Amino acid sequence: MIIRWLIVLFTLASFDNLDAHPLRLSLCEIEYTSSTKLISIHLKLFLTDVNEALVFNPKSNELAFCQPNESVKANQLLLNYINRFFYLKVNGEKMSLKIKQKRLSGDGENTALWVYFELSQPVILKSLEIKNNVFTDLFFDQNNIVYIHLDEESKSIMLNKKTAIHKLEI
C-alpha cells in the first residue's frame, strides 16, 4: 500500500514542470436596446487562439493586431474567420458583420483581442439565433460563453462544438 502511494506521489511530482493546459474559452456579449434600435456585439478572443486560427502560430506577431504596424490583411483575415464560425440572425435574417473597433487587453498568454460590431435594427426584434463555434475547429474542449442583454433582460448560454447554435424567441 505504501509503495503505491509513493509511486503516485513520484508520478505527480514528475508532472510539476509541465505546463497546464490552457482554458479554451471565448466571451461574447450581445446587447440590444430598443430605444436606440441598435445591436452591439462584443467578442473577446484570446490573441494566441486568434493567431493559431489565422496564421497557425499562437506566438506570431505577423498580424500585429491593434499595433502601429498592424498588417493590412489583419481585419479581413479576422472577419473571414469570424464569419465562418460566428453569426447572428435577427428575425431569421443573417446579419452582415463589419468590424467597428478592436482593442487589446491583458498581457502575455492572457492577452485578449476585443472585437466590436454594431448593427442597426429598425424593426421589432422577434427572434435571435446565435452561432458561436469559434476555435472549435482547433480545440476539442473550446467553450464559448454568450451573454445576451435585451433591454432589461439578460441571459447567458454556453456554446461549443456539440451545441454551436442557440435560438431565442422574444
N, C-alpha and C. Protein backbone atom coordinates (compact mmCIF):
# COMPACT_ATOMS: atom_id res chain seq x y z
N MET A 1 0.82 -1.19 0.00
CA MET A 1 0.00 0.00 0.00
C MET A 1 0.87 1.27 0.00
N ILE A 2 1.89 1.28 0.84
CA ILE A 2 2.79 2.43 0.92
C ILE A 2 3.53 2.59 -0.41
N ILE A 3 3.91 1.48 -1.02
CA ILE A 3 4.61 1.52 -2.31
C ILE A 3 3.73 2.22 -3.35
N ARG A 4 2.43 1.86 -3.37
CA ARG A 4 1.51 2.51 -4.34
C ARG A 4 1.46 4.01 -4.14
N TRP A 5 1.34 4.46 -2.89
CA TRP A 5 1.29 5.89 -2.61
C TRP A 5 2.58 6.59 -3.01
N LEU A 6 3.69 5.94 -2.79
CA LEU A 6 4.97 6.51 -3.20
C LEU A 6 5.05 6.64 -4.72
N ILE A 7 4.55 5.63 -5.44
CA ILE A 7 4.54 5.69 -6.90
C ILE A 7 3.65 6.83 -7.37
N VAL A 8 2.47 6.98 -6.76
CA VAL A 8 1.55 8.05 -7.12
C VAL A 8 2.18 9.41 -6.85
N LEU A 9 2.79 9.57 -5.67
CA LEU A 9 3.45 10.84 -5.33
C LEU A 9 4.61 11.14 -6.28
N PHE A 10 5.41 10.14 -6.60
CA PHE A 10 6.52 10.33 -7.52
C PHE A 10 6.01 10.74 -8.91
N THR A 11 4.94 10.08 -9.36
CA THR A 11 4.36 10.40 -10.67
C THR A 11 3.84 11.82 -10.70
N LEU A 12 3.11 12.22 -9.66
CA LEU A 12 2.59 13.60 -9.59
C LEU A 12 3.73 14.61 -9.54
N ALA A 13 4.77 14.32 -8.80
CA ALA A 13 5.91 15.24 -8.72
C ALA A 13 6.61 15.39 -10.06
N SER A 14 6.63 14.32 -10.85
CA SER A 14 7.30 14.41 -12.15
C SER A 14 6.54 15.29 -13.14
N PHE A 15 5.24 15.53 -12.91
CA PHE A 15 4.45 16.40 -13.77
C PHE A 15 4.55 17.86 -13.37
N ASP A 16 5.29 18.16 -12.33
CA ASP A 16 5.39 19.52 -11.81
C ASP A 16 5.90 20.52 -12.83
N ASN A 17 6.79 20.10 -13.72
CA ASN A 17 7.39 21.02 -14.68
C ASN A 17 6.59 21.19 -15.96
N LEU A 18 5.54 20.42 -16.13
CA LEU A 18 4.74 20.52 -17.35
C LEU A 18 3.79 21.71 -17.24
N ASP A 19 3.58 22.37 -18.37
CA ASP A 19 2.63 23.47 -18.39
C ASP A 19 1.21 22.92 -18.33
N ALA A 20 0.36 23.59 -17.59
CA ALA A 20 -1.04 23.19 -17.53
C ALA A 20 -1.72 23.54 -18.85
N HIS A 21 -2.68 22.74 -19.22
CA HIS A 21 -3.42 23.02 -20.44
C HIS A 21 -4.23 24.29 -20.24
N PRO A 22 -4.17 25.22 -21.18
CA PRO A 22 -4.90 26.48 -21.01
C PRO A 22 -6.41 26.27 -21.11
N LEU A 23 -7.12 27.15 -20.49
CA LEU A 23 -8.57 27.15 -20.57
C LEU A 23 -8.97 27.64 -21.95
N ARG A 24 -9.76 26.90 -22.66
CA ARG A 24 -10.20 27.25 -24.02
C ARG A 24 -11.56 27.90 -23.93
N LEU A 25 -11.57 29.23 -24.05
CA LEU A 25 -12.78 29.98 -23.79
C LEU A 25 -12.81 31.26 -24.60
N SER A 26 -14.00 31.63 -25.05
CA SER A 26 -14.21 32.96 -25.62
C SER A 26 -15.44 33.54 -24.94
N LEU A 27 -15.58 34.82 -25.04
CA LEU A 27 -16.70 35.51 -24.42
C LEU A 27 -17.35 36.40 -25.46
N CYS A 28 -18.67 36.38 -25.51
CA CYS A 28 -19.40 37.22 -26.44
C CYS A 28 -20.53 37.89 -25.66
N GLU A 29 -20.70 39.17 -25.90
CA GLU A 29 -21.80 39.92 -25.30
C GLU A 29 -22.60 40.55 -26.42
N ILE A 30 -23.90 40.25 -26.43
CA ILE A 30 -24.80 40.81 -27.42
C ILE A 30 -25.82 41.66 -26.67
N GLU A 31 -25.91 42.91 -27.07
CA GLU A 31 -26.81 43.83 -26.36
C GLU A 31 -27.73 44.52 -27.36
N TYR A 32 -29.01 44.51 -27.04
CA TYR A 32 -29.99 45.22 -27.86
C TYR A 32 -30.72 46.21 -26.97
N THR A 33 -30.80 47.44 -27.44
CA THR A 33 -31.54 48.49 -26.73
C THR A 33 -32.62 48.99 -27.68
N SER A 34 -33.87 48.79 -27.28
CA SER A 34 -34.98 49.16 -28.17
C SER A 34 -35.07 50.67 -28.38
N SER A 35 -34.63 51.45 -27.41
CA SER A 35 -34.70 52.90 -27.56
C SER A 35 -33.77 53.41 -28.66
N THR A 36 -32.61 52.78 -28.82
CA THR A 36 -31.67 53.19 -29.87
C THR A 36 -31.77 52.32 -31.12
N LYS A 37 -32.49 51.19 -31.00
CA LYS A 37 -32.64 50.23 -32.10
C LYS A 37 -31.27 49.79 -32.63
N LEU A 38 -30.40 49.49 -31.68
CA LEU A 38 -29.03 49.14 -32.00
C LEU A 38 -28.65 47.82 -31.32
N ILE A 39 -28.00 46.96 -32.09
CA ILE A 39 -27.44 45.72 -31.53
C ILE A 39 -25.93 45.89 -31.52
N SER A 40 -25.35 45.66 -30.37
CA SER A 40 -23.89 45.69 -30.29
C SER A 40 -23.40 44.29 -29.91
N ILE A 41 -22.30 43.91 -30.52
CA ILE A 41 -21.69 42.61 -30.27
C ILE A 41 -20.25 42.87 -29.85
N HIS A 42 -19.88 42.31 -28.72
CA HIS A 42 -18.52 42.42 -28.21
C HIS A 42 -17.99 41.00 -28.10
N LEU A 43 -16.94 40.72 -28.83
CA LEU A 43 -16.37 39.38 -28.87
C LEU A 43 -14.96 39.45 -28.29
N LYS A 44 -14.74 38.67 -27.23
CA LYS A 44 -13.42 38.63 -26.59
C LYS A 44 -12.76 37.30 -26.92
N LEU A 45 -11.63 37.38 -27.61
CA LEU A 45 -10.91 36.20 -28.07
C LEU A 45 -9.47 36.28 -27.57
N PHE A 46 -8.93 35.17 -27.12
CA PHE A 46 -7.52 35.19 -26.72
C PHE A 46 -6.65 35.32 -27.97
N LEU A 47 -5.70 36.22 -27.91
CA LEU A 47 -4.86 36.54 -29.06
C LEU A 47 -4.08 35.31 -29.55
N THR A 48 -3.62 34.47 -28.64
CA THR A 48 -2.90 33.27 -29.06
C THR A 48 -3.81 32.36 -29.89
N ASP A 49 -5.09 32.28 -29.53
CA ASP A 49 -6.04 31.46 -30.29
C ASP A 49 -6.30 32.08 -31.66
N VAL A 50 -6.41 33.40 -31.70
CA VAL A 50 -6.62 34.10 -32.98
C VAL A 50 -5.44 33.84 -33.91
N ASN A 51 -4.23 33.98 -33.38
CA ASN A 51 -3.04 33.74 -34.20
C ASN A 51 -2.95 32.29 -34.66
N GLU A 52 -3.32 31.37 -33.79
CA GLU A 52 -3.33 29.95 -34.17
C GLU A 52 -4.30 29.72 -35.32
N ALA A 53 -5.48 30.33 -35.25
CA ALA A 53 -6.50 30.15 -36.28
C ALA A 53 -6.13 30.81 -37.60
N LEU A 54 -5.49 31.96 -37.53
CA LEU A 54 -5.25 32.74 -38.75
C LEU A 54 -3.90 32.48 -39.41
N VAL A 55 -2.84 32.32 -38.62
CA VAL A 55 -1.51 32.13 -39.19
C VAL A 55 -0.82 30.86 -38.67
N PHE A 56 -1.57 30.04 -37.94
CA PHE A 56 -1.11 28.73 -37.47
C PHE A 56 0.10 28.81 -36.54
N ASN A 57 0.23 29.95 -35.84
CA ASN A 57 1.31 30.12 -34.88
C ASN A 57 0.80 31.01 -33.75
N PRO A 58 0.54 30.42 -32.57
CA PRO A 58 -0.04 31.20 -31.47
C PRO A 58 0.82 32.37 -31.00
N LYS A 59 2.12 32.30 -31.21
CA LYS A 59 3.01 33.36 -30.73
C LYS A 59 3.40 34.34 -31.83
N SER A 60 2.75 34.26 -32.96
CA SER A 60 3.08 35.10 -34.10
C SER A 60 2.77 36.58 -33.84
N ASN A 61 3.60 37.44 -34.38
CA ASN A 61 3.35 38.88 -34.39
C ASN A 61 3.08 39.38 -35.80
N GLU A 62 2.87 38.45 -36.71
CA GLU A 62 2.71 38.77 -38.12
C GLU A 62 1.55 39.75 -38.38
N LEU A 63 0.42 39.55 -37.71
CA LEU A 63 -0.74 40.41 -37.96
C LEU A 63 -0.73 41.66 -37.09
N ALA A 64 -0.06 41.62 -35.95
CA ALA A 64 0.14 42.78 -35.06
C ALA A 64 -1.16 43.55 -34.79
N PHE A 65 -2.19 42.83 -34.38
CA PHE A 65 -3.47 43.48 -34.11
C PHE A 65 -3.32 44.67 -33.15
N CYS A 66 -3.97 45.76 -33.50
CA CYS A 66 -4.05 46.98 -32.68
C CYS A 66 -2.69 47.63 -32.42
N GLN A 67 -1.70 47.30 -33.23
CA GLN A 67 -0.38 47.90 -33.11
C GLN A 67 -0.16 48.86 -34.28
N PRO A 68 0.76 49.80 -34.15
CA PRO A 68 1.01 50.73 -35.27
C PRO A 68 1.39 50.01 -36.56
N ASN A 69 2.00 48.83 -36.45
CA ASN A 69 2.42 48.08 -37.64
C ASN A 69 1.43 46.96 -38.00
N GLU A 70 0.16 47.14 -37.64
CA GLU A 70 -0.85 46.12 -37.93
C GLU A 70 -0.87 45.81 -39.42
N SER A 71 -0.91 44.54 -39.74
CA SER A 71 -0.94 44.10 -41.14
C SER A 71 -2.19 44.61 -41.84
N VAL A 72 -2.05 44.99 -43.10
CA VAL A 72 -3.21 45.47 -43.87
C VAL A 72 -4.22 44.35 -44.09
N LYS A 73 -3.80 43.11 -43.96
CA LYS A 73 -4.72 41.99 -44.15
C LYS A 73 -5.32 41.47 -42.83
N ALA A 74 -4.96 42.06 -41.70
CA ALA A 74 -5.39 41.56 -40.40
C ALA A 74 -6.92 41.57 -40.25
N ASN A 75 -7.55 42.70 -40.53
CA ASN A 75 -9.00 42.79 -40.36
C ASN A 75 -9.74 41.81 -41.26
N GLN A 76 -9.31 41.70 -42.51
CA GLN A 76 -10.02 40.81 -43.43
C GLN A 76 -9.86 39.35 -43.04
N LEU A 77 -8.66 38.96 -42.64
CA LEU A 77 -8.44 37.58 -42.19
C LEU A 77 -9.29 37.27 -40.96
N LEU A 78 -9.32 38.21 -40.02
CA LEU A 78 -10.11 38.04 -38.81
C LEU A 78 -11.60 37.93 -39.13
N LEU A 79 -12.08 38.82 -39.96
CA LEU A 79 -13.50 38.82 -40.32
C LEU A 79 -13.88 37.55 -41.11
N ASN A 80 -13.01 37.11 -42.00
CA ASN A 80 -13.26 35.87 -42.72
C ASN A 80 -13.41 34.70 -41.76
N TYR A 81 -12.52 34.63 -40.78
CA TYR A 81 -12.58 33.54 -39.79
C TYR A 81 -13.87 33.65 -38.95
N ILE A 82 -14.13 34.84 -38.44
CA ILE A 82 -15.33 35.02 -37.61
C ILE A 82 -16.58 34.65 -38.39
N ASN A 83 -16.68 35.07 -39.64
CA ASN A 83 -17.87 34.77 -40.44
C ASN A 83 -18.04 33.27 -40.70
N ARG A 84 -16.98 32.50 -40.64
CA ARG A 84 -17.11 31.04 -40.80
C ARG A 84 -17.67 30.39 -39.55
N PHE A 85 -17.41 30.97 -38.38
CA PHE A 85 -17.73 30.29 -37.13
C PHE A 85 -18.69 31.06 -36.22
N PHE A 86 -19.09 32.23 -36.63
CA PHE A 86 -19.98 33.05 -35.79
C PHE A 86 -20.99 33.75 -36.69
N TYR A 87 -22.24 33.76 -36.26
CA TYR A 87 -23.23 34.61 -36.92
C TYR A 87 -24.33 34.98 -35.94
N LEU A 88 -25.05 36.00 -36.31
CA LEU A 88 -26.24 36.44 -35.60
C LEU A 88 -27.34 36.59 -36.62
N LYS A 89 -28.43 35.86 -36.38
CA LYS A 89 -29.61 36.02 -37.22
C LYS A 89 -30.65 36.77 -36.40
N VAL A 90 -31.19 37.81 -36.99
CA VAL A 90 -32.24 38.61 -36.34
C VAL A 90 -33.51 38.41 -37.14
N ASN A 91 -34.54 37.93 -36.47
CA ASN A 91 -35.82 37.64 -37.14
C ASN A 91 -35.61 36.74 -38.36
N GLY A 92 -34.69 35.79 -38.23
CA GLY A 92 -34.42 34.83 -39.29
C GLY A 92 -33.45 35.29 -40.36
N GLU A 93 -33.01 36.54 -40.30
CA GLU A 93 -32.10 37.08 -41.32
C GLU A 93 -30.69 37.20 -40.76
N LYS A 94 -29.74 36.58 -41.47
CA LYS A 94 -28.34 36.64 -41.05
C LYS A 94 -27.81 38.05 -41.24
N MET A 95 -27.23 38.60 -40.19
CA MET A 95 -26.71 39.96 -40.21
C MET A 95 -25.29 39.97 -40.79
N SER A 96 -24.99 41.01 -41.55
CA SER A 96 -23.66 41.19 -42.12
C SER A 96 -22.79 41.90 -41.08
N LEU A 97 -21.67 41.29 -40.75
CA LEU A 97 -20.79 41.85 -39.73
C LEU A 97 -19.65 42.64 -40.35
N LYS A 98 -19.40 43.80 -39.80
CA LYS A 98 -18.24 44.61 -40.16
C LYS A 98 -17.60 45.07 -38.86
N ILE A 99 -16.30 44.93 -38.78
CA ILE A 99 -15.60 45.31 -37.57
C ILE A 99 -15.68 46.82 -37.39
N LYS A 100 -16.21 47.21 -36.24
CA LYS A 100 -16.28 48.65 -35.93
C LYS A 100 -15.03 49.09 -35.19
N GLN A 101 -14.56 48.23 -34.28
CA GLN A 101 -13.41 48.60 -33.46
C GLN A 101 -12.77 47.33 -32.90
N LYS A 102 -11.47 47.41 -32.61
CA LYS A 102 -10.74 46.35 -31.95
C LYS A 102 -9.89 46.97 -30.86
N ARG A 103 -9.60 46.17 -29.84
CA ARG A 103 -8.65 46.61 -28.83
C ARG A 103 -8.04 45.40 -28.14
N LEU A 104 -6.86 45.60 -27.58
CA LEU A 104 -6.19 44.55 -26.82
C LEU A 104 -6.29 44.85 -25.34
N SER A 105 -6.38 43.79 -24.54
CA SER A 105 -6.31 43.94 -23.08
C SER A 105 -5.52 42.77 -22.53
N GLY A 106 -4.94 42.95 -21.37
CA GLY A 106 -4.14 41.90 -20.75
C GLY A 106 -2.73 41.88 -21.30
N ASP A 107 -1.97 40.87 -20.88
CA ASP A 107 -0.61 40.73 -21.39
C ASP A 107 -0.19 39.26 -21.42
N GLY A 108 0.88 39.01 -22.14
CA GLY A 108 1.41 37.65 -22.26
C GLY A 108 0.37 36.68 -22.82
N GLU A 109 0.31 35.50 -22.24
CA GLU A 109 -0.63 34.46 -22.67
C GLU A 109 -2.08 34.88 -22.45
N ASN A 110 -2.30 35.87 -21.58
CA ASN A 110 -3.66 36.31 -21.27
C ASN A 110 -4.11 37.53 -22.09
N THR A 111 -3.37 37.86 -23.13
CA THR A 111 -3.77 38.98 -23.97
C THR A 111 -5.04 38.62 -24.74
N ALA A 112 -6.03 39.49 -24.64
CA ALA A 112 -7.30 39.28 -25.33
C ALA A 112 -7.47 40.32 -26.43
N LEU A 113 -8.05 39.87 -27.53
CA LEU A 113 -8.42 40.76 -28.62
C LEU A 113 -9.93 40.95 -28.54
N TRP A 114 -10.36 42.18 -28.31
CA TRP A 114 -11.78 42.51 -28.26
C TRP A 114 -12.17 43.03 -29.63
N VAL A 115 -13.23 42.46 -30.18
CA VAL A 115 -13.72 42.86 -31.49
C VAL A 115 -15.16 43.34 -31.31
N TYR A 116 -15.44 44.56 -31.81
CA TYR A 116 -16.76 45.19 -31.64
C TYR A 116 -17.47 45.31 -32.99
N PHE A 117 -18.77 45.00 -32.94
CA PHE A 117 -19.64 45.15 -34.10
C PHE A 117 -20.87 45.92 -33.65
N GLU A 118 -21.44 46.71 -34.54
CA GLU A 118 -22.72 47.39 -34.27
C GLU A 118 -23.63 47.18 -35.46
N LEU A 119 -24.89 46.89 -35.16
CA LEU A 119 -25.88 46.64 -36.20
C LEU A 119 -27.13 47.45 -35.91
N SER A 120 -27.61 48.14 -36.91
CA SER A 120 -28.87 48.87 -36.78
C SER A 120 -30.01 47.86 -36.88
N GLN A 121 -31.00 47.97 -36.00
CA GLN A 121 -32.13 47.07 -36.02
C GLN A 121 -33.43 47.88 -35.97
N PRO A 122 -33.88 48.40 -37.13
CA PRO A 122 -35.03 49.29 -37.15
C PRO A 122 -36.38 48.61 -36.91
N VAL A 123 -36.48 47.28 -37.17
CA VAL A 123 -37.76 46.59 -36.96
C VAL A 123 -37.77 45.91 -35.60
N ILE A 124 -38.96 45.57 -35.13
CA ILE A 124 -39.13 44.95 -33.81
C ILE A 124 -38.39 43.61 -33.78
N LEU A 125 -37.68 43.39 -32.71
CA LEU A 125 -36.91 42.17 -32.52
C LEU A 125 -37.85 41.05 -32.07
N LYS A 126 -37.94 39.98 -32.89
CA LYS A 126 -38.82 38.85 -32.57
C LYS A 126 -38.02 37.60 -32.21
N SER A 127 -36.85 37.45 -32.85
CA SER A 127 -36.03 36.28 -32.55
C SER A 127 -34.57 36.58 -32.82
N LEU A 128 -33.72 35.87 -32.10
CA LEU A 128 -32.27 35.92 -32.30
C LEU A 128 -31.79 34.48 -32.42
N GLU A 129 -30.91 34.26 -33.37
CA GLU A 129 -30.22 32.98 -33.46
C GLU A 129 -28.74 33.28 -33.46
N ILE A 130 -28.04 32.65 -32.53
CA ILE A 130 -26.62 32.90 -32.38
C ILE A 130 -25.87 31.61 -32.66
N LYS A 131 -24.90 31.70 -33.54
CA LYS A 131 -23.96 30.60 -33.75
C LYS A 131 -22.61 31.10 -33.29
N ASN A 132 -22.01 30.37 -32.39
CA ASN A 132 -20.67 30.73 -31.94
C ASN A 132 -19.89 29.44 -31.69
N ASN A 133 -19.17 29.02 -32.71
CA ASN A 133 -18.26 27.90 -32.51
C ASN A 133 -16.84 28.27 -32.95
N VAL A 134 -16.45 29.52 -32.59
CA VAL A 134 -15.08 29.95 -32.86
C VAL A 134 -14.11 29.02 -32.13
N PHE A 135 -13.05 28.69 -32.80
CA PHE A 135 -11.94 27.88 -32.31
C PHE A 135 -12.29 26.42 -32.06
N THR A 136 -13.54 26.00 -32.29
CA THR A 136 -13.86 24.58 -32.13
C THR A 136 -13.22 23.75 -33.23
N ASP A 137 -12.80 24.40 -34.31
CA ASP A 137 -12.06 23.70 -35.35
C ASP A 137 -10.63 23.39 -34.90
N LEU A 138 -10.15 24.12 -33.89
CA LEU A 138 -8.79 23.96 -33.40
C LEU A 138 -8.69 23.18 -32.10
N PHE A 139 -9.67 23.38 -31.22
CA PHE A 139 -9.60 22.83 -29.87
C PHE A 139 -10.89 22.07 -29.55
N PHE A 140 -10.75 20.80 -29.21
CA PHE A 140 -11.93 19.98 -28.94
C PHE A 140 -12.67 20.43 -27.69
N ASP A 141 -11.98 21.09 -26.76
CA ASP A 141 -12.59 21.49 -25.50
C ASP A 141 -12.94 22.99 -25.44
N GLN A 142 -13.05 23.62 -26.58
CA GLN A 142 -13.39 25.05 -26.66
C GLN A 142 -14.82 25.29 -26.19
N ASN A 143 -15.00 26.27 -25.33
CA ASN A 143 -16.32 26.72 -24.90
C ASN A 143 -16.45 28.20 -25.18
N ASN A 144 -17.65 28.60 -25.59
CA ASN A 144 -17.90 29.99 -25.93
C ASN A 144 -19.11 30.48 -25.14
N ILE A 145 -18.85 31.37 -24.21
CA ILE A 145 -19.91 31.92 -23.36
C ILE A 145 -20.52 33.11 -24.09
N VAL A 146 -21.85 33.15 -24.12
CA VAL A 146 -22.57 34.24 -24.76
C VAL A 146 -23.54 34.85 -23.75
N TYR A 147 -23.39 36.14 -23.52
CA TYR A 147 -24.33 36.90 -22.69
C TYR A 147 -25.23 37.69 -23.63
N ILE A 148 -26.51 37.60 -23.41
CA ILE A 148 -27.47 38.32 -24.24
C ILE A 148 -28.24 39.28 -23.33
N HIS A 149 -28.21 40.56 -23.68
CA HIS A 149 -28.92 41.59 -22.93
C HIS A 149 -29.93 42.24 -23.86
N LEU A 150 -31.20 42.06 -23.56
CA LEU A 150 -32.28 42.65 -24.35
C LEU A 150 -33.00 43.63 -23.45
N ASP A 151 -32.74 44.90 -23.64
CA ASP A 151 -33.24 45.95 -22.76
C ASP A 151 -32.90 45.58 -21.31
N GLU A 152 -33.89 45.24 -20.50
CA GLU A 152 -33.65 44.97 -19.08
C GLU A 152 -33.46 43.49 -18.77
N GLU A 153 -33.60 42.61 -19.75
CA GLU A 153 -33.48 41.17 -19.51
C GLU A 153 -32.12 40.66 -19.98
N SER A 154 -31.59 39.71 -19.21
CA SER A 154 -30.29 39.13 -19.56
C SER A 154 -30.37 37.60 -19.49
N LYS A 155 -29.55 36.99 -20.32
CA LYS A 155 -29.48 35.53 -20.38
C LYS A 155 -28.06 35.15 -20.74
N SER A 156 -27.59 34.03 -20.23
CA SER A 156 -26.27 33.55 -20.63
C SER A 156 -26.39 32.11 -21.12
N ILE A 157 -25.58 31.79 -22.12
CA ILE A 157 -25.56 30.45 -22.69
C ILE A 157 -24.11 30.04 -22.94
N MET A 158 -23.91 28.74 -23.02
CA MET A 158 -22.59 28.20 -23.33
C MET A 158 -22.71 27.42 -24.62
N LEU A 159 -21.90 27.79 -25.61
CA LEU A 159 -21.89 27.10 -26.89
C LEU A 159 -20.54 26.42 -27.09
N ASN A 160 -20.55 25.32 -27.83
CA ASN A 160 -19.33 24.57 -28.07
C ASN A 160 -19.47 23.77 -29.36
N LYS A 161 -18.59 22.82 -29.57
CA LYS A 161 -18.60 22.05 -30.81
C LYS A 161 -19.91 21.27 -30.98
N LYS A 162 -20.43 20.69 -29.90
CA LYS A 162 -21.66 19.90 -29.96
C LYS A 162 -22.89 20.79 -30.07
N THR A 163 -22.89 21.88 -29.35
CA THR A 163 -24.02 22.81 -29.35
C THR A 163 -23.51 24.18 -29.77
N ALA A 164 -23.54 24.44 -31.07
CA ALA A 164 -22.94 25.66 -31.60
C ALA A 164 -23.96 26.77 -31.82
N ILE A 165 -25.25 26.43 -31.80
CA ILE A 165 -26.31 27.40 -32.14
C ILE A 165 -27.36 27.44 -31.05
N HIS A 166 -27.81 28.66 -30.76
CA HIS A 166 -28.90 28.85 -29.81
C HIS A 166 -29.91 29.83 -30.43
N LYS A 167 -31.19 29.47 -30.35
CA LYS A 167 -32.23 30.35 -30.87
C LYS A 167 -33.07 30.84 -29.70
N LEU A 168 -33.34 32.13 -29.74
CA LEU A 168 -34.08 32.78 -28.67
C LEU A 168 -35.29 33.49 -29.29
N GLU A 169 -36.48 33.08 -28.86
CA GLU A 169 -37.72 33.76 -29.29
C GLU A 169 -38.01 34.85 -28.27
N ILE A 170 -38.36 36.02 -28.77
CA ILE A 170 -38.57 37.17 -27.88
C ILE A 170 -40.05 37.51 -27.80
